[in-house]
Amino acid sequence: MLLQSMAEVEKLLLVHDSALRDLYQKIQPLLMPPEEPEKKRIGFDVRESRIKYRAKNKKEKKKA
């Protein structure tokens, strides 16, 4: 009688263990922090080639 009741308890614990494992696997993704959305930049974004500025030499000024 005692052996039979222990076998039933062990069987019940195995069922509960597998149910808890399944529940944990389903809950685990919900515990992760959510991904942050990409932040939008404020303002204008101009994509043009830059103009190269430089000081003219005295020789270049005389030629012009």
Protein backbone atom coordinates (compact mmCIF):
# COMPACT_ATOMS: atom_id res chain seq x y z
CA MET A 1 0.00 0.00 0.00
CA LEU A 2 2.76 2.45 0.91
CA LEU A 3 4.74 1.55 -2.21
CA GLN A 4 1.70 2.16 -4.40
CA SER A 5 0.97 5.58 -2.87
CA MET A 6 4.62 6.61 -3.28
CA ALA A 7 4.50 5.58 -6.93
CA GLU A 8 1.38 7.72 -7.42
CA VAL A 9 3.05 10.71 -5.76
CA GLU A 10 6.15 10.28 -7.93
CA LYS A 11 4.00 10.07 -11.06
CA LEU A 12 2.12 13.21 -10.03
CA LEU A 13 5.38 15.08 -9.39
CA LEU A 14 6.68 14.16 -12.85
CA VAL A 15 3.50 15.50 -14.44
CA HIS A 16 3.75 18.73 -12.45
CA ASP A 17 7.44 19.05 -13.26
CA SER A 18 6.83 18.82 -17.00
CA ALA A 19 3.91 21.29 -16.75
CA LEU A 20 6.09 23.79 -14.86
CA ARG A 21 8.88 23.37 -17.42
CA ASP A 22 6.47 24.09 -20.28
CA LEU A 23 5.06 27.11 -18.44
CA TYR A 24 8.56 28.49 -17.79
CA GLN A 25 9.51 28.12 -21.46
CA LYS A 26 6.39 30.04 -22.49
CA ILE A 27 6.90 32.81 -19.92
CA GLN A 28 10.65 33.27 -20.46
CA PRO A 29 10.35 35.44 -23.65
CA LEU A 30 7.92 37.72 -21.82
CA LEU A 31 10.48 38.35 -19.08
CA MET A 32 13.04 39.72 -21.54
CA PRO A 33 13.15 43.53 -21.84
CA PRO A 34 11.51 44.83 -25.01
CA GLU A 35 13.66 46.07 -27.86
CA GLU A 36 13.89 49.84 -27.97
CA PRO A 37 12.60 51.38 -31.19
CA GLU A 38 15.05 53.37 -33.28
CA LYS A 39 14.98 57.01 -32.24
CA LYS A 40 14.15 59.50 -34.95
CA ARG A 41 16.55 62.38 -35.38
CA ILE A 42 15.12 65.85 -35.06
CA GLY A 43 15.89 68.41 -37.75
CA PHE A 44 16.97 68.37 -41.35
CA ASP A 45 19.44 65.93 -42.80
CA VAL A 46 21.17 67.37 -45.86
CA ARG A 47 23.39 65.02 -47.80
CA GLU A 48 25.41 67.08 -50.23
CA SER A 49 29.04 67.00 -51.13
CA ARG A 50 31.03 69.46 -49.11
CA ILE A 51 32.61 72.49 -50.73
CA LYS A 52 36.32 72.62 -50.22
CA TYR A 53 37.30 75.98 -48.84
CA ARG A 54 40.89 77.03 -48.64
CA ALA A 55 42.81 80.25 -48.47
CA LYS A 56 44.34 81.40 -51.73
CA ASN A 57 48.06 81.95 -51.89
CA LYS A 58 49.43 85.33 -52.84
CA LYS A 59 50.55 83.90 -56.18
CA GLU A 60 47.04 82.59 -56.97
CA LYS A 61 45.51 85.97 -56.11
CA LYS A 62 47.81 87.77 -58.60
CA LYS A 63 46.84 85.35 -61.40
CA ALA A 64 43.12 85.86 -60.86
